[in-house]
């Protein structure tokens, strides 16, 4: 039986039994009517026979609380219970005393303060003193006593009036709910403990836990096999020489991948201190066996690197249903399966890194690292050390331990170099050598380090044209552009704009709605900054939204302010805008595109182009458009 509910009197038992029957809990909870020494005997028996929680009240609760390795839940007295009993006592006498244990006495005092009633509140600390306490009260003229089973027995012996302080059904239900919650928590903890123990025992690493005195508190099966019969002080001495003990327990620092010899074989030791309230209360040691070091090449390469080099995005994160974006995704998935380098072309804000991450996660390297670096954000000297790493003391300000570069960190994974067109000629030559030789040399070093990295680059420049002008190495260009991916600007996929807006609001402002007309209104603008510019405008609209709704008025206000410079340019008559920089054929294409966007509606097209319908008709006639 999981729950044992101790009852001190018949009416409590009847109420409890009724509740258990109504809630179908008779198979999980047993009501035992008992008091005094018998209560402890019952508790002794059930504590050894599977009980998980005790429920009791008053004297019974005091007898079992904190006496067993089983939680005890108190059936607390309520204001209403005391009020009902007190009113019954008033019908007998006005010289009333109310007795209670622990939390019941606390509630009696609270009732007295709130009600301002005149009665004697008596605290019971020991059941043996009840009769003595009541005699003292009787000597002061109190003849009617409110309390539980112990009080009733004493009143019977002393010839005094008694009113039972009953528990109402709600108090019992609350205690029962608390008991069931405790069982659920115990079950979850037990499952978690079993899970953790299983995980630790099936780990490929040996794991040993120590307390603050370096005493072993846990050791998994792998560690037992390594140390065999040496599970004593010698293990502690081997893992915690003086300098490591100081590092872990005094300096509160972790130890990572420290080479030690166990049974004349090399092993890799890592130790992490367990810290609470800025105090070390133990440590966990992890030991990688020598035969498994070979299979942990990536881990060894990253022993000094920060974690978190992962690609978070997938192709499902690319929002859009237009044919142009669908074709782009199809092509990206196709080239992702190749091991060749990829060059991504795209204007600012078209999602170049989103596609780079998606390609990585769709490739055979998806379980390797993904590292991105913006080549335009760093000076050449800094970019070189970031790419290739450096040896200690190689330049002023260099770390005393040296540093791994992103090529090493990206080993067996993908390196994304954004804005590749911005790197210097000197760095282009070094990058070309890495791609050709598949090896790097750190800045200030001599050791050659082999690397296996797939390179994805991105640019918004025409590298082929730059290579013809000798502004970008042609040999590097052809190495980087074995496969190419062209990302469409937002103006070529305007039908995706409502979906992009809705998706952004759903994720970042789930309580804000937007009118359908407002979604279409966004499609009127060129968005030279593409998705990034669109999202900026949506963010402004969301901040300005009234009553959790983005109205068309807000969208128009934000967009007109954003594009007023563009509107001023486009308000010039198209005929006047035909300059050597904008050939007359561009005017025809502009007209056709505007008509298509407005589904052939001449009035709307003229409004968009800021010209009269007469001028529009004249130009359509001139180029033979739609006639």
Foldseek 3Di string as FASTA:
>chain_A
DAEEEEAADDVQVVLLVVVCVVVVNCVPYDYDYDDDPVLVVVVVVVLVVNYAEYEYEFRSCVVPDPPGPHHYFYLAADLVLVVVQVVVQVVVHLAEEEETEDRNLVRVVVNCVVVVRDYHYYYDPDLVCLLVVVVVSVVVPRQEYEEDDSNVVSCVVVVGHYGYSDRDSVSSVVRVVVSVVSVVVVVVVVVVVVVVLVCQQPDLKWKWKAFLVRQTDDTHPVVCVQCVPVNDVVVSCQQCPPVNCCVCQVVVHKAFQDWGAGPNATKTKIKHFDDDPNHGGIIMIIIRGRVCVVVCVLCVLCRPPDDDQAQDAAPVPDFADDPVVVVLVVQLLVCLADLAAEEEADAAQLCPVNSVRRSQCSYPLNVFGEEEDEQVVDDQVVVQCQAAWACAPLDPPADNHTDGHVQSNRASGEYEYEAVLPHAPVVLVQVLCCLVVQWGAHRSGDDIGHGRYHYYYYHNDDVVVCCVVVSHPPSSVCRNHVDYGYRDFCLVRLVRQLVLLVVVCCVPPVQAEEDPVLSLVVSLDDPSNGSVVSVVLSVQQCVVDDPRYRYSVSSCVSVCVVCVVVVVVLLPPLVVVDDPVQHPVNSVVLLVSLCVSVVNPLCSSCVSSNHDSVSSVVVCVVVVHPD
